[in-house]
Amino acid sequence: MVRRLLRVSVVGAVALCLSATFSPAASAAVPANFCDGKSEETVVRTYSRGSLAIPLRCGTNTYGFRHVVQKGRWNDAFDSRIANTIARGTVNAAGTIYGEMTDRCVNTFRVVVNQGAIGGSGFRPQGVITAYEVTYPNTASVRPEGVVPAQRTDCLIYEPVAEP
């Protein structure tokens, strides 16, 4: 009786752990109206790269979740690309741009972040400013939908220089 109870308890504990780890609700996309009535500091998601945590805050129409939603980009696949790019992509020396690269070092997706305080003195870190698909002239599609590229981390990220 004790052996059977112990076996049932162990099986139940494993099932509980697995359901908590692989819960479908945990991977569901955040609805586009999640930030309605919330402050710009509210954290929508936290992405990670090793021990570094990068928040996606509600933000405003110029940065964060509201900015991404306003641009019509937010969905479950876009959320996954942000997570994948931050976790496994190439990062520039300043730690402000994360890029998804093809095997030929073509940047196909970019996430721009600010680990400092918003406006230099506000709350910190500001987190994700924007994320977007990188397109090049005369290309119909750099990456077919649903295809996860082999991530390279040895590529350079080219940053446009503003004209004076």
N, C-alpha and C. Protein backbone atom coordinates (compact mmCIF):
# COMPACT_ATOMS: atom_id res chain seq x y z
N MET A 1 0.83 -1.19 0.00
CA MET A 1 0.00 0.00 0.00
C MET A 1 0.87 1.26 0.00
N VAL A 2 1.90 1.29 0.85
CA VAL A 2 2.79 2.44 0.93
C VAL A 2 3.55 2.59 -0.39
N ARG A 3 4.02 1.47 -0.97
CA ARG A 3 4.75 1.51 -2.23
C ARG A 3 3.86 2.07 -3.34
N ARG A 4 2.61 1.63 -3.40
CA ARG A 4 1.67 2.11 -4.43
C ARG A 4 1.39 3.59 -4.25
N LEU A 5 1.21 4.05 -3.02
CA LEU A 5 0.95 5.46 -2.72
C LEU A 5 2.15 6.30 -3.12
N LEU A 6 3.35 5.81 -2.84
CA LEU A 6 4.57 6.51 -3.20
C LEU A 6 4.69 6.62 -4.72
N ARG A 7 4.41 5.53 -5.44
CA ARG A 7 4.47 5.55 -6.90
C ARG A 7 3.46 6.53 -7.48
N VAL A 8 2.26 6.57 -6.97
CA VAL A 8 1.23 7.50 -7.43
C VAL A 8 1.67 8.93 -7.15
N SER A 9 2.28 9.17 -5.98
CA SER A 9 2.73 10.52 -5.62
C SER A 9 3.83 11.00 -6.55
N VAL A 10 4.78 10.12 -6.86
CA VAL A 10 5.87 10.47 -7.76
C VAL A 10 5.34 10.75 -9.16
N VAL A 11 4.47 9.90 -9.66
CA VAL A 11 3.87 10.10 -10.99
C VAL A 11 3.09 11.41 -11.01
N GLY A 12 2.34 11.68 -9.97
CA GLY A 12 1.56 12.92 -9.89
C GLY A 12 2.46 14.14 -9.86
N ALA A 13 3.57 14.07 -9.13
CA ALA A 13 4.50 15.20 -9.05
C ALA A 13 5.15 15.46 -10.40
N VAL A 14 5.53 14.40 -11.10
CA VAL A 14 6.13 14.55 -12.43
C VAL A 14 5.11 15.16 -13.40
N ALA A 15 3.89 14.68 -13.36
CA ALA A 15 2.84 15.21 -14.24
C ALA A 15 2.59 16.69 -13.94
N LEU A 16 2.59 17.05 -12.67
CA LEU A 16 2.38 18.45 -12.28
C LEU A 16 3.51 19.32 -12.81
N CYS A 17 4.75 18.86 -12.67
CA CYS A 17 5.90 19.61 -13.17
C CYS A 17 5.84 19.77 -14.68
N LEU A 18 5.51 18.69 -15.38
CA LEU A 18 5.42 18.76 -16.84
C LEU A 18 4.31 19.68 -17.29
N SER A 19 3.18 19.65 -16.63
CA SER A 19 2.08 20.53 -17.04
C SER A 19 2.42 21.98 -16.77
N ALA A 20 3.17 22.26 -15.72
CA ALA A 20 3.57 23.64 -15.44
C ALA A 20 4.61 24.11 -16.45
N THR A 21 5.51 23.22 -16.85
CA THR A 21 6.57 23.57 -17.78
C THR A 21 6.06 23.74 -19.21
N PHE A 22 5.17 22.86 -19.64
CA PHE A 22 4.72 22.85 -21.03
C PHE A 22 3.28 23.31 -21.19
N SER A 23 2.84 24.16 -20.33
CA SER A 23 1.46 24.64 -20.36
C SER A 23 1.20 25.43 -21.64
N PRO A 24 0.18 25.07 -22.44
CA PRO A 24 -0.11 25.80 -23.65
C PRO A 24 -0.46 27.26 -23.37
N ALA A 25 -1.06 27.54 -22.22
CA ALA A 25 -1.44 28.91 -21.89
C ALA A 25 -0.22 29.81 -21.76
N ALA A 26 0.91 29.24 -21.36
CA ALA A 26 2.12 30.02 -21.18
C ALA A 26 2.69 30.51 -22.51
N SER A 27 2.38 29.83 -23.61
CA SER A 27 2.93 30.23 -24.89
C SER A 27 1.93 31.01 -25.75
N ALA A 28 0.74 31.22 -25.25
CA ALA A 28 -0.26 31.95 -26.01
C ALA A 28 0.15 33.42 -26.15
N ALA A 29 -0.16 34.01 -27.30
CA ALA A 29 0.20 35.40 -27.55
C ALA A 29 -0.55 36.33 -26.60
N VAL A 30 0.13 37.38 -26.24
CA VAL A 30 -0.49 38.43 -25.43
C VAL A 30 -1.45 39.18 -26.37
N PRO A 31 -2.68 39.42 -25.94
CA PRO A 31 -3.62 40.13 -26.82
C PRO A 31 -3.15 41.56 -27.09
N ALA A 32 -3.46 42.06 -28.26
CA ALA A 32 -3.03 43.40 -28.68
C ALA A 32 -3.56 44.50 -27.75
N ASN A 33 -4.65 44.24 -27.05
CA ASN A 33 -5.20 45.26 -26.15
C ASN A 33 -4.71 45.10 -24.71
N PHE A 34 -3.69 44.31 -24.49
CA PHE A 34 -3.17 44.02 -23.15
C PHE A 34 -2.85 45.29 -22.37
N CYS A 35 -2.32 46.31 -23.02
CA CYS A 35 -1.88 47.52 -22.33
C CYS A 35 -2.96 48.59 -22.17
N ASP A 36 -4.15 48.32 -22.63
CA ASP A 36 -5.24 49.30 -22.46
C ASP A 36 -5.40 49.63 -20.98
N GLY A 37 -5.29 50.91 -20.66
CA GLY A 37 -5.47 51.37 -19.29
C GLY A 37 -4.27 51.12 -18.38
N LYS A 38 -3.14 50.67 -18.94
CA LYS A 38 -1.95 50.40 -18.13
C LYS A 38 -0.88 51.45 -18.41
N SER A 39 0.02 51.64 -17.44
CA SER A 39 1.09 52.63 -17.60
C SER A 39 2.14 52.13 -18.58
N GLU A 40 2.95 53.06 -19.07
CA GLU A 40 3.99 52.69 -20.02
C GLU A 40 5.07 51.82 -19.37
N GLU A 41 5.20 51.85 -18.06
CA GLU A 41 6.20 51.05 -17.35
C GLU A 41 5.80 49.58 -17.21
N THR A 42 4.53 49.25 -17.40
CA THR A 42 4.05 47.89 -17.22
C THR A 42 4.79 46.92 -18.14
N VAL A 43 5.29 45.83 -17.57
CA VAL A 43 6.03 44.83 -18.34
C VAL A 43 5.05 43.82 -18.95
N VAL A 44 5.11 43.68 -20.26
CA VAL A 44 4.26 42.75 -21.00
C VAL A 44 4.91 41.37 -21.05
N ARG A 45 6.17 41.32 -21.40
CA ARG A 45 6.96 40.10 -21.50
C ARG A 45 8.39 40.42 -21.08
N THR A 46 9.11 39.41 -20.64
CA THR A 46 10.53 39.56 -20.36
C THR A 46 11.27 38.51 -21.18
N TYR A 47 12.18 38.99 -22.02
CA TYR A 47 12.99 38.12 -22.86
C TYR A 47 14.35 37.97 -22.18
N SER A 48 15.06 36.89 -22.48
CA SER A 48 16.35 36.72 -21.81
C SER A 48 17.43 36.23 -22.76
N ARG A 49 18.63 36.57 -22.40
CA ARG A 49 19.84 36.08 -23.06
C ARG A 49 20.81 35.76 -21.92
N GLY A 50 20.92 34.49 -21.62
CA GLY A 50 21.70 34.11 -20.44
C GLY A 50 21.03 34.68 -19.20
N SER A 51 21.78 35.40 -18.40
CA SER A 51 21.22 35.99 -17.19
C SER A 51 20.65 37.39 -17.42
N LEU A 52 20.79 37.92 -18.62
CA LEU A 52 20.29 39.25 -18.94
C LEU A 52 18.79 39.20 -19.21
N ALA A 53 18.02 40.04 -18.54
CA ALA A 53 16.57 40.12 -18.73
C ALA A 53 16.24 41.43 -19.46
N ILE A 54 15.49 41.32 -20.56
CA ILE A 54 15.12 42.49 -21.35
C ILE A 54 13.59 42.57 -21.39
N PRO A 55 13.01 43.59 -20.74
CA PRO A 55 11.55 43.68 -20.72
C PRO A 55 10.98 44.29 -22.00
N LEU A 56 9.79 43.86 -22.34
CA LEU A 56 8.97 44.53 -23.35
C LEU A 56 7.90 45.22 -22.53
N ARG A 57 7.97 46.53 -22.45
CA ARG A 57 7.02 47.30 -21.64
C ARG A 57 5.86 47.79 -22.51
N CYS A 58 4.78 48.18 -21.86
CA CYS A 58 3.65 48.73 -22.62
C CYS A 58 4.12 49.90 -23.47
N GLY A 59 4.95 50.76 -22.91
CA GLY A 59 5.54 51.85 -23.67
C GLY A 59 4.54 52.87 -24.18
N THR A 60 4.86 53.47 -25.32
CA THR A 60 4.03 54.50 -25.95
C THR A 60 3.92 54.18 -27.44
N ASN A 61 3.43 55.13 -28.20
CA ASN A 61 3.36 54.90 -29.65
C ASN A 61 4.73 55.01 -30.32
N THR A 62 5.78 55.36 -29.55
CA THR A 62 7.12 55.46 -30.12
C THR A 62 8.07 54.36 -29.65
N TYR A 63 7.68 53.56 -28.66
CA TYR A 63 8.51 52.44 -28.24
C TYR A 63 7.67 51.40 -27.50
N GLY A 64 8.20 50.18 -27.43
CA GLY A 64 7.57 49.12 -26.66
C GLY A 64 6.40 48.44 -27.35
N PHE A 65 5.58 47.79 -26.52
CA PHE A 65 4.46 46.99 -27.01
C PHE A 65 3.47 47.82 -27.82
N ARG A 66 3.08 48.98 -27.30
CA ARG A 66 2.11 49.82 -28.04
C ARG A 66 2.65 50.20 -29.42
N HIS A 67 3.94 50.48 -29.51
CA HIS A 67 4.56 50.83 -30.79
C HIS A 67 4.49 49.65 -31.76
N VAL A 68 4.84 48.46 -31.27
CA VAL A 68 4.82 47.26 -32.13
C VAL A 68 3.39 46.96 -32.58
N VAL A 69 2.43 47.07 -31.67
CA VAL A 69 1.02 46.83 -32.02
C VAL A 69 0.54 47.86 -33.04
N GLN A 70 0.88 49.13 -32.81
CA GLN A 70 0.46 50.20 -33.72
C GLN A 70 0.98 49.97 -35.13
N LYS A 71 2.16 49.39 -35.25
CA LYS A 71 2.75 49.10 -36.57
C LYS A 71 2.14 47.85 -37.20
N GLY A 72 1.24 47.16 -36.48
CA GLY A 72 0.58 45.98 -37.02
C GLY A 72 1.44 44.73 -37.01
N ARG A 73 2.44 44.69 -36.15
CA ARG A 73 3.38 43.57 -36.16
C ARG A 73 3.09 42.50 -35.12
N TRP A 74 2.33 42.77 -34.08
CA TRP A 74 2.23 41.85 -32.95
C TRP A 74 1.39 40.63 -33.24
N ASN A 75 1.94 39.46 -33.04
CA ASN A 75 1.23 38.18 -33.03
C ASN A 75 2.17 37.16 -32.37
N ASP A 76 1.72 35.94 -32.22
CA ASP A 76 2.49 34.92 -31.54
C ASP A 76 3.82 34.65 -32.24
N ALA A 77 3.82 34.62 -33.57
CA ALA A 77 5.05 34.36 -34.32
C ALA A 77 6.05 35.50 -34.14
N PHE A 78 5.55 36.74 -34.10
CA PHE A 78 6.43 37.90 -33.92
C PHE A 78 7.05 37.87 -32.53
N ASP A 79 6.25 37.53 -31.54
CA ASP A 79 6.73 37.38 -30.16
C ASP A 79 7.85 36.34 -30.12
N SER A 80 7.66 35.23 -30.80
CA SER A 80 8.67 34.17 -30.84
C SER A 80 9.96 34.63 -31.51
N ARG A 81 9.82 35.42 -32.56
CA ARG A 81 11.02 35.93 -33.26
C ARG A 81 11.80 36.88 -32.38
N ILE A 82 11.10 37.72 -31.62
CA ILE A 82 11.79 38.61 -30.68
C ILE A 82 12.57 37.76 -29.67
N ALA A 83 11.90 36.78 -29.08
CA ALA A 83 12.53 35.92 -28.08
C ALA A 83 13.75 35.20 -28.66
N ASN A 84 13.61 34.62 -29.86
CA ASN A 84 14.68 33.88 -30.50
C ASN A 84 15.85 34.79 -30.86
N THR A 85 15.56 35.98 -31.36
CA THR A 85 16.61 36.91 -31.77
C THR A 85 17.40 37.39 -30.57
N ILE A 86 16.72 37.71 -29.48
CA ILE A 86 17.43 38.14 -28.27
C ILE A 86 18.23 36.99 -27.68
N ALA A 87 17.64 35.82 -27.60
CA ALA A 87 18.30 34.67 -26.95
C ALA A 87 19.47 34.12 -27.76
N ARG A 88 19.36 34.10 -29.10
CA ARG A 88 20.35 33.39 -29.91
C ARG A 88 20.99 34.19 -31.02
N GLY A 89 20.53 35.40 -31.25
CA GLY A 89 21.02 36.17 -32.38
C GLY A 89 22.33 36.87 -32.14
N THR A 90 22.77 37.61 -33.13
CA THR A 90 23.97 38.42 -33.04
C THR A 90 23.63 39.71 -32.31
N VAL A 91 24.54 40.17 -31.47
CA VAL A 91 24.31 41.42 -30.74
C VAL A 91 25.47 42.37 -31.04
N ASN A 92 25.16 43.66 -31.19
CA ASN A 92 26.22 44.62 -31.45
C ASN A 92 27.01 44.88 -30.17
N ALA A 93 28.14 45.55 -30.31
CA ALA A 93 29.05 45.77 -29.17
C ALA A 93 28.39 46.53 -28.03
N ALA A 94 27.50 47.44 -28.34
CA ALA A 94 26.84 48.25 -27.30
C ALA A 94 25.70 47.50 -26.61
N GLY A 95 25.30 46.36 -27.17
CA GLY A 95 24.19 45.60 -26.58
C GLY A 95 22.84 46.24 -26.82
N THR A 96 22.73 47.03 -27.88
CA THR A 96 21.48 47.74 -28.16
C THR A 96 20.72 47.19 -29.36
N ILE A 97 21.39 46.41 -30.21
CA ILE A 97 20.73 45.84 -31.39
C ILE A 97 21.01 44.35 -31.43
N TYR A 98 19.93 43.57 -31.53
CA TYR A 98 20.02 42.12 -31.67
C TYR A 98 19.54 41.78 -33.07
N GLY A 99 20.28 40.95 -33.79
CA GLY A 99 19.92 40.62 -35.15
C GLY A 99 19.81 39.14 -35.39
N GLU A 100 18.79 38.75 -36.15
CA GLU A 100 18.64 37.38 -36.63
C GLU A 100 19.37 37.32 -37.96
N MET A 101 20.33 36.41 -38.09
CA MET A 101 21.17 36.36 -39.28
C MET A 101 21.02 35.03 -40.01
N THR A 102 21.11 35.10 -41.32
CA THR A 102 21.12 33.86 -42.12
C THR A 102 22.53 33.29 -42.08
N ASP A 103 22.72 32.14 -42.71
CA ASP A 103 24.04 31.54 -42.75
C ASP A 103 25.04 32.37 -43.54
N ARG A 104 24.57 33.36 -44.30
CA ARG A 104 25.46 34.25 -45.06
C ARG A 104 25.55 35.65 -44.42
N CYS A 105 25.18 35.74 -43.16
CA CYS A 105 25.23 36.99 -42.38
C CYS A 105 24.31 38.08 -42.93
N VAL A 106 23.18 37.69 -43.50
CA VAL A 106 22.19 38.66 -43.92
C VAL A 106 21.23 38.84 -42.76
N ASN A 107 21.11 40.08 -42.31
CA ASN A 107 20.24 40.41 -41.17
C ASN A 107 18.78 40.37 -41.65
N THR A 108 17.96 39.48 -41.07
CA THR A 108 16.58 39.33 -41.50
C THR A 108 15.56 39.86 -40.49
N PHE A 109 15.99 40.05 -39.24
CA PHE A 109 15.09 40.53 -38.19
C PHE A 109 15.93 41.27 -37.17
N ARG A 110 15.38 42.34 -36.62
CA ARG A 110 16.14 43.16 -35.69
C ARG A 110 15.30 43.55 -34.49
N VAL A 111 15.94 43.56 -33.32
CA VAL A 111 15.32 44.03 -32.09
C VAL A 111 16.23 45.11 -31.53
N VAL A 112 15.67 46.29 -31.28
CA VAL A 112 16.43 47.41 -30.73
C VAL A 112 16.01 47.59 -29.28
N VAL A 113 17.01 47.65 -28.38
CA VAL A 113 16.73 47.75 -26.94
C VAL A 113 17.50 48.90 -26.31
N ASN A 114 17.04 49.30 -25.14
CA ASN A 114 17.75 50.28 -24.31
C ASN A 114 17.82 49.70 -22.91
N GLN A 115 19.02 49.32 -22.47
CA GLN A 115 19.19 48.79 -21.13
C GLN A 115 19.30 49.90 -20.09
N GLY A 116 19.42 51.13 -20.56
CA GLY A 116 19.52 52.26 -19.65
C GLY A 116 18.15 52.80 -19.27
N ALA A 117 18.18 53.93 -18.59
CA ALA A 117 16.95 54.59 -18.16
C ALA A 117 16.29 55.31 -19.32
N ILE A 118 14.98 55.30 -19.35
CA ILE A 118 14.27 56.00 -20.41
C ILE A 118 14.53 57.50 -20.26
N GLY A 119 14.93 58.12 -21.34
CA GLY A 119 15.22 59.54 -21.31
C GLY A 119 16.43 59.88 -20.44
N GLY A 120 17.22 58.89 -20.07
CA GLY A 120 18.42 59.13 -19.28
C GLY A 120 18.18 59.22 -17.78
N SER A 121 16.94 59.46 -17.36
CA SER A 121 16.70 59.60 -15.92
C SER A 121 15.41 58.92 -15.45
N GLY A 122 14.67 58.33 -16.35
CA GLY A 122 13.41 57.68 -15.99
C GLY A 122 13.63 56.27 -15.48
N PHE A 123 12.58 55.45 -15.51
CA PHE A 123 12.69 54.07 -15.05
C PHE A 123 13.67 53.30 -15.92
N ARG A 124 14.26 52.27 -15.34
CA ARG A 124 15.23 51.46 -16.09
C ARG A 124 15.02 49.99 -15.81
N PRO A 125 15.35 49.13 -16.75
CA PRO A 125 15.71 49.46 -18.13
C PRO A 125 14.45 49.77 -18.95
N GLN A 126 14.64 50.57 -19.97
CA GLN A 126 13.52 50.86 -20.86
C GLN A 126 13.09 49.58 -21.56
N GLY A 127 14.06 48.77 -21.99
CA GLY A 127 13.76 47.49 -22.62
C GLY A 127 13.65 47.58 -24.13
N VAL A 128 12.75 46.77 -24.70
CA VAL A 128 12.58 46.72 -26.15
C VAL A 128 11.98 48.02 -26.65
N ILE A 129 12.67 48.65 -27.58
CA ILE A 129 12.16 49.88 -28.19
C ILE A 129 11.31 49.51 -29.40
N THR A 130 11.87 48.66 -30.28
CA THR A 130 11.14 48.21 -31.46
C THR A 130 11.72 46.89 -31.94
N ALA A 131 10.99 46.24 -32.80
CA ALA A 131 11.44 45.01 -33.46
C ALA A 131 10.80 45.00 -34.85
N TYR A 132 11.56 44.57 -35.84
CA TYR A 132 11.03 44.60 -37.20
C TYR A 132 11.77 43.64 -38.12
N GLU A 133 11.08 43.26 -39.17
CA GLU A 133 11.63 42.45 -40.25
C GLU A 133 12.53 43.37 -41.07
N VAL A 134 13.73 42.90 -41.37
CA VAL A 134 14.65 43.68 -42.19
C VAL A 134 14.42 43.27 -43.64
N THR A 135 14.13 44.23 -44.48
CA THR A 135 13.91 43.94 -45.90
C THR A 135 14.95 44.68 -46.73
N TYR A 136 15.25 44.12 -47.86
CA TYR A 136 16.24 44.70 -48.75
C TYR A 136 15.58 44.96 -50.10
N PRO A 137 16.07 45.95 -50.84
CA PRO A 137 15.49 46.24 -52.16
C PRO A 137 15.53 45.01 -53.07
N ASN A 138 14.50 44.86 -53.85
CA ASN A 138 14.40 43.80 -54.85
C ASN A 138 14.38 42.39 -54.26
N THR A 139 13.89 42.23 -53.06
CA THR A 139 13.75 40.89 -52.50
C THR A 139 12.29 40.69 -52.13
N ALA A 140 11.74 39.60 -52.60
CA ALA A 140 10.34 39.31 -52.29
C ALA A 140 10.22 38.85 -50.84
N SER A 141 11.11 38.00 -50.42
CA SER A 141 11.10 37.51 -49.05
C SER A 141 12.46 36.95 -48.71
N VAL A 142 13.06 37.48 -47.67
CA VAL A 142 14.36 36.99 -47.26
C VAL A 142 14.19 35.66 -46.53
N ARG A 143 13.08 35.51 -45.81
CA ARG A 143 12.87 34.31 -45.00
C ARG A 143 11.43 33.83 -45.17
N PRO A 144 11.23 32.61 -45.66
CA PRO A 144 9.87 32.09 -45.79
C PRO A 144 9.19 31.98 -44.43
N GLU A 145 7.90 32.23 -44.37
CA GLU A 145 7.13 32.17 -43.13
C GLU A 145 7.28 30.82 -42.46
N GLY A 146 7.54 30.84 -41.17
CA GLY A 146 7.62 29.62 -40.40
C GLY A 146 8.97 28.92 -40.41
N VAL A 147 9.93 29.43 -41.17
CA VAL A 147 11.25 28.82 -41.23
C VAL A 147 12.16 29.51 -40.22
N VAL A 148 12.71 28.76 -39.32
CA VAL A 148 13.63 29.32 -38.34
C VAL A 148 15.04 29.18 -38.89
N PRO A 149 15.74 30.31 -39.07
CA PRO A 149 17.07 30.23 -39.66
C PRO A 149 18.10 29.67 -38.67
N ALA A 150 19.19 29.20 -39.23
CA ALA A 150 20.31 28.81 -38.38
C ALA A 150 20.91 30.11 -37.87
N GLN A 151 20.88 30.32 -36.57
CA GLN A 151 21.38 31.57 -36.01
C GLN A 151 22.89 31.61 -36.03
N ARG A 152 23.43 32.71 -36.49
CA ARG A 152 24.87 32.94 -36.43
C ARG A 152 25.10 34.05 -35.42
N THR A 153 26.16 33.93 -34.67
CA THR A 153 26.49 34.96 -33.69
C THR A 153 27.82 35.62 -34.00
N ASP A 154 28.44 35.26 -35.12
CA ASP A 154 29.73 35.82 -35.48
C ASP A 154 29.63 36.87 -36.59
N CYS A 155 28.43 37.31 -36.91
CA CYS A 155 28.22 38.32 -37.96
C CYS A 155 28.28 39.72 -37.37
N LEU A 156 28.63 40.67 -38.20
CA LEU A 156 28.62 42.07 -37.77
C LEU A 156 27.23 42.65 -38.01
N ILE A 157 26.80 43.52 -37.13
CA ILE A 157 25.54 44.23 -37.35
C ILE A 157 25.90 45.62 -37.84
N TYR A 158 25.42 45.94 -39.02
CA TYR A 158 25.71 47.26 -39.59
C TYR A 158 24.62 48.22 -39.14
N GLU A 159 25.07 49.32 -38.59
CA GLU A 159 24.13 50.33 -38.09
C GLU A 159 24.17 51.53 -39.01
N PRO A 160 23.00 52.00 -39.45
CA PRO A 160 23.01 53.17 -40.33
C PRO A 160 23.52 54.40 -39.57
N VAL A 161 24.28 55.21 -40.25
CA VAL A 161 24.79 56.44 -39.65
C VAL A 161 23.94 57.58 -40.15
N ALA A 162 23.39 58.36 -39.22
CA ALA A 162 22.53 59.49 -39.60
C ALA A 162 23.38 60.58 -40.25
N GLU A 163 22.81 61.21 -41.26
CA GLU A 163 23.51 62.31 -41.91
C GLU A 163 23.46 63.53 -40.99
N PRO A 164 24.53 64.33 -40.96
CA PRO A 164 24.54 65.52 -40.08
C PRO A 164 23.56 66.57 -40.49
